[in-house]
Amino acid sequence: MTTADGVTVPRTSPRPNAALTSGPISEGRRRRRRAENIRGWVYCLPFLIAFGLFLIWPTIYGLWMSFTGTSLAGTKTGFVGLANWTEALGDANVWTSLANTAVFTVLSSIPLVLIAMGLAILVNVGLPGQWFWRLAFFLPFLLASTVVSKFWNWMYNPQLGLVNTVLGWFGITGPAWLQDPSTAMISVVITTVWWTIGFNFLLYLAALQNIPDQLYEAASLDGAGRWRKFRSITVPQLAPTTVLVLVLQLLASLKVFDQIYQMTSGGPGGDTRPVLLYIYEVGFTGYRLGYASAISYIFFFLIIIVSLAYMVISSRRSVKA
């Protein structure tokens, strides 16, 4: 096309209407997205069904049961309101078992963090035969709780056990470890530490091997010694792993049941009975499922409170850092 000034302008084709082109494309995209969403939900459906049947529904039904007088014997007294909760809050055995759970958690969590870190550091410095140490520290973790409990029951036997036999070589008369109230809990703690420390050991060992060597080389150039390197490099670099290990250990210790049930059955005199064992006794020995459910949810809410408190403290520390 030529203008009045004699300038030739290339002819351009008219622009298509956006409404005519975008409509079919957007509709096709919506259909593909819808098909992808449906396909995704179909893939997730087996998990969602299992999750609902074996976690969501038991949680809701258990909470409802805590407000009823349901019995394992088959008798149902119906809705009782807050009677089970009120009885549980006033039950001395509930608070004693909660205290035993807290004592076990503290006594087991601290060595399972510190000793695991120490063993990982010893192996990481280059001890000869590292494959042997890794296998030796981790192998007990693979054993079943029944095997571990039977093994340590024999170890703690007052007459024939290896522990008292070794003490006798030095002229020391060992106690009845699992029958004495002053030693029963610490005996279970020692067993638990020996049994489960391998998992924490591997976590720390992996974290140590991921610390850059350049950090230690730079510290050496600045004249830092081994203790200074450990305090200023190793410990801060292991902080995320320590938090992970501590959280996992607290959750595992609060749920302690197997080894105590198999080693002491909560004795002597209930001094080692954790709250889960008391719930088991109330529900499956005393047949009071409704009351056992109420105790379970009291314990559940206490764990939530502790978890929230830990999250608040951790968030405040991260903000200050």
Protein backbone atom coordinates (compact mmCIF):
# COMPACT_ATOMS: atom_id res chain seq x y z
CA MET A 1 0.00 0.00 0.00
CA THR A 2 1.34 3.49 -0.98
CA THR A 3 0.59 6.60 1.06
CA ALA A 4 0.04 10.14 -0.26
CA ASP A 5 3.71 10.96 0.34
CA GLY A 6 4.82 8.13 -1.90
CA VAL A 7 5.92 5.87 0.99
CA THR A 8 5.22 2.23 0.49
CA VAL A 9 3.88 0.45 3.58
CA PRO A 10 3.77 -3.35 3.61
CA ARG A 11 0.31 -4.76 3.69
CA THR A 12 -0.52 -6.53 6.96
CA SER A 13 -3.17 -9.11 7.35
CA PRO A 14 -5.91 -8.34 9.81
CA ARG A 15 -5.38 -9.72 13.36
CA PRO A 16 -7.63 -12.64 14.17
CA ASN A 17 -10.18 -12.20 16.82
CA ALA A 18 -8.69 -13.29 20.19
CA ALA A 19 -12.04 -14.60 21.29
CA LEU A 20 -12.11 -16.99 18.33
CA THR A 21 -8.64 -18.48 19.00
CA SER A 22 -8.31 -18.47 22.77
CA GLY A 23 -11.62 -20.16 23.40
CA PRO A 24 -10.85 -23.62 21.99
CA ILE A 25 -7.26 -23.56 23.38
CA SER A 26 -8.28 -22.65 26.93
CA GLU A 27 -11.11 -25.16 26.83
CA GLY A 28 -8.67 -27.87 25.72
CA ARG A 29 -6.28 -26.94 28.51
CA ARG A 30 -9.07 -27.09 31.05
CA ARG A 31 -10.03 -30.53 29.83
CA ARG A 32 -6.45 -31.77 30.07
CA ARG A 33 -6.08 -30.35 33.57
CA ARG A 34 -9.35 -31.93 34.61
CA ALA A 35 -8.22 -35.29 33.22
CA GLU A 36 -4.86 -35.00 34.97
CA ASN A 37 -6.56 -34.14 38.28
CA ILE A 38 -8.91 -37.09 37.96
CA ARG A 39 -6.00 -39.39 37.12
CA GLY A 40 -4.05 -38.09 40.11
CA TRP A 41 -6.96 -38.68 42.49
CA VAL A 42 -7.41 -42.18 41.09
CA TYR A 43 -3.75 -42.95 41.82
CA CYS A 44 -4.10 -41.54 45.36
CA LEU A 45 -7.41 -43.29 46.03
CA PRO A 46 -5.97 -46.57 47.45
CA PHE A 47 -3.83 -44.64 49.94
CA LEU A 48 -6.69 -42.31 50.87
CA ILE A 49 -9.00 -45.26 51.50
CA ALA A 50 -6.42 -47.00 53.69
CA PHE A 51 -5.60 -43.71 55.45
CA GLY A 52 -9.25 -43.09 56.19
CA LEU A 53 -10.05 -46.63 57.30
CA PHE A 54 -7.00 -47.26 59.46
CA LEU A 55 -6.20 -43.78 60.83
CA ILE A 56 -8.93 -41.18 60.43
CA TRP A 57 -11.88 -43.43 61.30
CA PRO A 58 -10.19 -45.13 64.32
CA THR A 59 -9.18 -41.68 65.62
CA ILE A 60 -12.73 -40.34 65.38
CA TYR A 61 -14.28 -43.55 66.72
CA GLY A 62 -11.79 -43.71 69.59
CA LEU A 63 -12.61 -40.14 70.58
CA TRP A 64 -16.31 -40.99 70.57
CA MET A 65 -15.63 -44.14 72.57
CA SER A 66 -13.95 -42.07 75.29
CA PHE A 67 -17.37 -40.54 76.00
CA THR A 68 -19.06 -43.95 76.33
CA GLY A 69 -18.89 -46.88 78.70
CA THR A 70 -17.89 -49.37 75.99
CA SER A 71 -16.53 -52.61 77.40
CA LEU A 72 -14.47 -55.34 75.76
CA ALA A 73 -16.80 -57.83 77.43
CA GLY A 74 -19.50 -56.79 74.98
CA THR A 75 -21.63 -54.66 77.26
CA LYS A 76 -22.28 -51.07 76.20
CA THR A 77 -23.53 -48.60 78.75
CA GLY A 78 -23.97 -45.86 76.17
CA PHE A 79 -23.01 -42.23 76.40
CA VAL A 80 -21.50 -41.25 79.77
CA GLY A 81 -20.30 -37.75 78.92
CA LEU A 82 -17.11 -36.61 80.61
CA ALA A 83 -17.21 -39.31 83.28
CA ASN A 84 -14.26 -41.23 81.82
CA TRP A 85 -12.21 -38.05 81.40
CA THR A 86 -12.96 -36.91 84.94
CA GLU A 87 -12.05 -40.30 86.35
CA ALA A 88 -8.83 -40.41 84.34
CA LEU A 89 -7.72 -36.97 85.52
CA GLY A 90 -8.25 -38.09 89.11
CA ASP A 91 -6.65 -41.52 88.69
CA ALA A 92 -3.30 -41.68 90.49
CA ASN A 93 -2.17 -44.56 88.28
CA VAL A 94 -2.56 -42.36 85.19
CA TRP A 95 -0.27 -39.69 86.57
CA THR A 96 2.20 -42.26 87.89
CA SER A 97 2.41 -43.92 84.48
CA LEU A 98 2.80 -40.53 82.80
CA ALA A 99 5.63 -39.71 85.21
CA ASN A 100 7.28 -43.06 84.45
CA THR A 101 7.01 -42.29 80.73
CA ALA A 102 8.61 -38.88 81.25
CA VAL A 103 11.44 -40.37 83.34
CA PHE A 104 12.14 -43.02 80.73
CA THR A 105 12.08 -40.40 77.95
CA VAL A 106 14.61 -38.17 79.71
CA LEU A 107 16.90 -41.01 80.79
CA SER A 108 16.96 -42.62 77.34
CA SER A 109 16.94 -39.59 75.04
CA ILE A 110 20.02 -37.87 76.46
CA PRO A 111 22.45 -40.82 76.07
CA LEU A 112 20.91 -41.80 72.74
CA VAL A 113 21.89 -38.37 71.42
CA LEU A 114 25.27 -37.88 73.12
CA ILE A 115 26.60 -41.43 72.84
CA ALA A 116 25.47 -41.74 69.23
CA MET A 117 27.29 -38.51 68.38
CA GLY A 118 30.41 -39.69 70.20
CA LEU A 119 30.47 -43.05 68.45
CA ALA A 120 29.98 -41.40 65.06
CA ILE A 121 32.87 -39.01 65.72
CA LEU A 122 35.16 -41.88 66.76
CA VAL A 123 34.38 -43.83 63.60
CA ASN A 124 34.62 -40.74 61.41
CA VAL A 125 38.18 -39.88 62.54
CA GLY A 126 39.44 -42.98 60.75
CA LEU A 127 39.56 -45.90 63.18
CA PRO A 128 40.84 -49.07 61.51
CA GLY A 129 38.16 -51.54 60.47
CA GLN A 130 35.38 -49.02 60.04
CA TRP A 131 33.07 -51.61 58.47
CA PHE A 132 33.28 -53.62 61.71
CA TRP A 133 32.41 -50.67 63.94
CA ARG A 134 29.51 -49.62 61.74
CA LEU A 135 28.15 -53.16 61.73
CA ALA A 136 28.66 -53.60 65.48
CA PHE A 137 26.90 -50.35 66.37
CA PHE A 138 24.00 -50.79 63.95
CA LEU A 139 23.38 -54.54 64.16
CA PRO A 140 21.37 -54.50 67.44
CA PHE A 141 18.91 -52.09 65.86
CA LEU A 142 17.89 -54.82 63.41
CA LEU A 143 16.87 -57.23 66.19
CA ALA A 144 13.25 -57.68 67.21
CA SER A 145 12.17 -56.34 70.58
CA THR A 146 11.39 -59.87 71.79
CA VAL A 147 14.94 -61.05 71.05
CA VAL A 148 16.46 -58.01 72.75
CA SER A 149 14.23 -58.37 75.81
CA LYS A 150 14.93 -62.08 76.25
CA PHE A 151 18.67 -61.50 75.81
CA TRP A 152 18.83 -58.77 78.45
CA ASN A 153 16.54 -60.66 80.82
CA TRP A 154 19.21 -63.32 80.87
CA MET A 155 21.96 -60.70 81.21
CA TYR A 156 20.19 -59.21 84.26
CA ASN A 157 19.46 -62.56 85.93
CA PRO A 158 20.60 -62.21 89.56
CA GLN A 159 22.09 -65.73 89.80
CA LEU A 160 23.16 -66.65 86.26
CA GLY A 161 23.30 -63.32 84.43
CA LEU A 162 26.49 -62.00 82.85
CA VAL A 163 26.18 -58.58 84.48
CA ASN A 164 26.28 -59.87 88.06
CA THR A 165 28.89 -62.46 87.10
CA VAL A 166 31.26 -59.73 85.87
CA LEU A 167 30.55 -57.63 88.95
CA GLY A 168 31.35 -60.66 91.10
CA TRP A 169 34.85 -60.81 89.61
CA PHE A 170 35.52 -57.47 91.29
CA GLY A 171 33.91 -58.47 94.58
CA ILE A 172 30.68 -56.55 93.91
CA THR A 173 27.34 -58.15 94.68
CA GLY A 174 24.95 -57.15 91.94
CA PRO A 175 21.28 -56.45 92.67
CA ALA A 176 18.21 -58.08 91.15
CA TRP A 177 18.22 -55.56 88.36
CA LEU A 178 14.68 -55.94 87.05
CA GLN A 179 13.08 -56.70 90.43
CA ASP A 180 14.64 -53.84 92.41
CA PRO A 181 12.64 -50.55 92.20
CA SER A 182 15.88 -48.54 92.30
CA THR A 183 17.44 -50.28 89.30
CA ALA A 184 14.51 -51.55 87.18
CA MET A 185 13.99 -48.38 85.14
CA ILE A 186 17.68 -47.72 84.52
CA SER A 187 18.07 -51.36 83.45
CA VAL A 188 15.39 -50.93 80.79
CA VAL A 189 17.00 -47.66 79.71
CA ILE A 190 20.39 -49.38 79.26
CA THR A 191 18.73 -52.07 77.17
CA THR A 192 16.96 -49.47 75.02
CA VAL A 193 20.15 -47.48 74.46
CA TRP A 194 22.07 -50.60 73.42
CA TRP A 195 19.23 -51.65 71.13
CA THR A 196 18.37 -48.41 69.30
CA ILE A 197 21.56 -46.35 69.29
CA GLY A 198 22.63 -47.69 65.88
CA PHE A 199 20.03 -45.67 63.97
CA ASN A 200 21.11 -42.37 65.54
CA PHE A 201 24.73 -43.36 65.01
CA LEU A 202 24.19 -43.70 61.26
CA LEU A 203 22.42 -40.34 61.07
CA TYR A 204 25.31 -38.60 62.81
CA LEU A 205 27.92 -40.45 60.74
CA ALA A 206 26.24 -39.36 57.51
CA ALA A 207 26.09 -35.76 58.76
CA LEU A 208 29.78 -35.80 59.73
CA GLN A 209 30.80 -37.04 56.30
CA ASN A 210 28.91 -34.14 54.70
CA ILE A 211 30.86 -31.45 56.58
CA PRO A 212 33.24 -29.77 54.06
CA ASP A 213 36.93 -30.44 54.74
CA GLN A 214 37.69 -26.84 53.79
CA LEU A 215 36.22 -25.68 57.08
CA TYR A 216 38.69 -27.74 59.10
CA GLU A 217 41.57 -26.74 56.82
CA ALA A 218 40.78 -23.05 57.25
CA ALA A 219 40.55 -23.51 61.02
CA SER A 220 43.93 -25.26 61.06
CA LEU A 221 45.50 -22.34 59.19
CA ASP A 222 44.10 -20.03 61.86
CA GLY A 223 45.74 -22.16 64.55
CA ALA A 224 42.59 -23.82 65.92
CA GLY A 225 43.06 -27.02 67.91
CA ARG A 226 40.91 -30.14 67.94
CA TRP A 227 38.62 -28.93 70.71
CA ARG A 228 38.17 -25.57 69.03
CA LYS A 229 37.31 -27.25 65.72
CA PHE A 230 34.83 -29.54 67.45
CA ARG A 231 33.14 -26.70 69.31
CA SER A 232 33.09 -24.16 66.48
CA ILE A 233 32.66 -26.37 63.40
CA THR A 234 31.47 -29.88 64.21
CA VAL A 235 28.77 -29.07 66.75
CA PRO A 236 27.15 -26.23 64.71
CA GLN A 237 27.26 -28.31 61.53
CA LEU A 238 25.57 -31.19 63.37
CA ALA A 239 22.83 -28.98 64.83
CA PRO A 240 20.14 -29.89 62.23
CA THR A 241 20.89 -33.60 62.69
CA THR A 242 20.78 -33.21 66.46
CA VAL A 243 17.34 -31.60 66.25
CA LEU A 244 16.12 -34.42 64.00
CA VAL A 245 17.55 -37.13 66.26
CA LEU A 246 16.12 -35.48 69.37
CA VAL A 247 12.62 -35.17 67.90
CA LEU A 248 12.61 -38.76 66.63
CA GLN A 249 13.94 -40.01 69.95
CA LEU A 250 11.39 -38.13 72.02
CA LEU A 251 8.54 -39.52 69.93
CA ALA A 252 9.92 -43.06 70.15
CA SER A 253 10.53 -42.86 73.92
CA LEU A 254 7.08 -41.47 74.65
CA LYS A 255 5.60 -44.52 72.86
CA VAL A 256 7.68 -47.05 74.83
CA PHE A 257 5.84 -50.32 75.39
CA ASP A 258 7.48 -53.46 73.98
CA GLN A 259 10.66 -53.82 76.03
CA ILE A 260 9.04 -52.80 79.31
CA TYR A 261 6.11 -55.16 78.78
CA GLN A 262 8.47 -58.05 78.01
CA MET A 263 11.13 -57.31 80.64
CA THR A 264 9.29 -56.03 83.72
CA SER A 265 5.56 -56.01 82.85
CA GLY A 266 5.51 -52.57 84.46
CA GLY A 267 6.91 -53.81 87.77
CA PRO A 268 8.06 -53.89 90.39
CA GLY A 269 4.99 -52.28 91.90
CA GLY A 270 4.27 -50.25 88.77
CA ASP A 271 7.59 -48.37 88.98
CA THR A 272 8.37 -48.97 85.31
CA ARG A 273 4.83 -48.97 83.93
CA PRO A 274 4.50 -46.39 81.11
CA VAL A 275 1.20 -44.86 80.13
CA LEU A 276 0.73 -47.09 77.08
CA LEU A 277 1.10 -50.19 79.23
CA TYR A 278 -1.47 -48.83 81.67
CA ILE A 279 -3.84 -48.13 78.75
CA TYR A 280 -3.33 -51.72 77.61
CA GLU A 281 -4.07 -53.05 81.10
CA VAL A 282 -7.20 -50.95 81.48
CA GLY A 283 -8.56 -51.74 78.02
CA PHE A 284 -7.56 -55.37 77.46
CA THR A 285 -7.24 -56.67 81.02
CA GLY A 286 -9.87 -54.58 82.74
CA TYR A 287 -12.10 -54.60 79.59
CA ARG A 288 -12.85 -50.85 79.95
CA LEU A 289 -12.33 -49.65 76.41
CA GLY A 290 -14.11 -46.35 76.94
CA TYR A 291 -11.96 -45.45 79.92
CA ALA A 292 -8.80 -46.58 78.13
CA SER A 293 -9.72 -44.35 75.19
CA ALA A 294 -10.07 -41.36 77.49
CA ILE A 295 -6.59 -41.97 78.92
CA SER A 296 -5.23 -42.33 75.39
CA TYR A 297 -6.57 -38.96 74.32
CA ILE A 298 -5.32 -37.24 77.48
CA PHE A 299 -1.87 -38.58 76.62
CA PHE A 300 -2.37 -37.50 73.01
CA PHE A 301 -3.24 -33.93 73.99
CA LEU A 302 -0.25 -33.75 76.35
CA ILE A 303 2.04 -34.78 73.48
CA ILE A 304 0.49 -32.05 71.30
CA ILE A 305 1.13 -29.47 74.03
CA VAL A 306 4.75 -30.57 74.39
CA SER A 307 5.20 -30.50 70.60
CA LEU A 308 3.74 -27.00 70.31
CA ALA A 309 5.95 -25.77 73.15
CA TYR A 310 9.00 -27.25 71.43
CA MET A 311 8.03 -25.60 68.13
CA VAL A 312 7.63 -22.20 69.82
CA ILE A 313 11.00 -22.47 71.55
CA SER A 314 12.70 -23.59 68.32
CA SER A 315 11.14 -20.76 66.31
CA ARG A 316 12.26 -18.18 68.87
CA ARG A 317 15.81 -19.52 68.79
CA SER A 318 15.87 -19.44 64.98
CA VAL A 319 14.64 -15.83 65.00
CA LYS A 320 17.34 -14.81 67.47
CA ALA A 321 19.96 -16.59 65.37
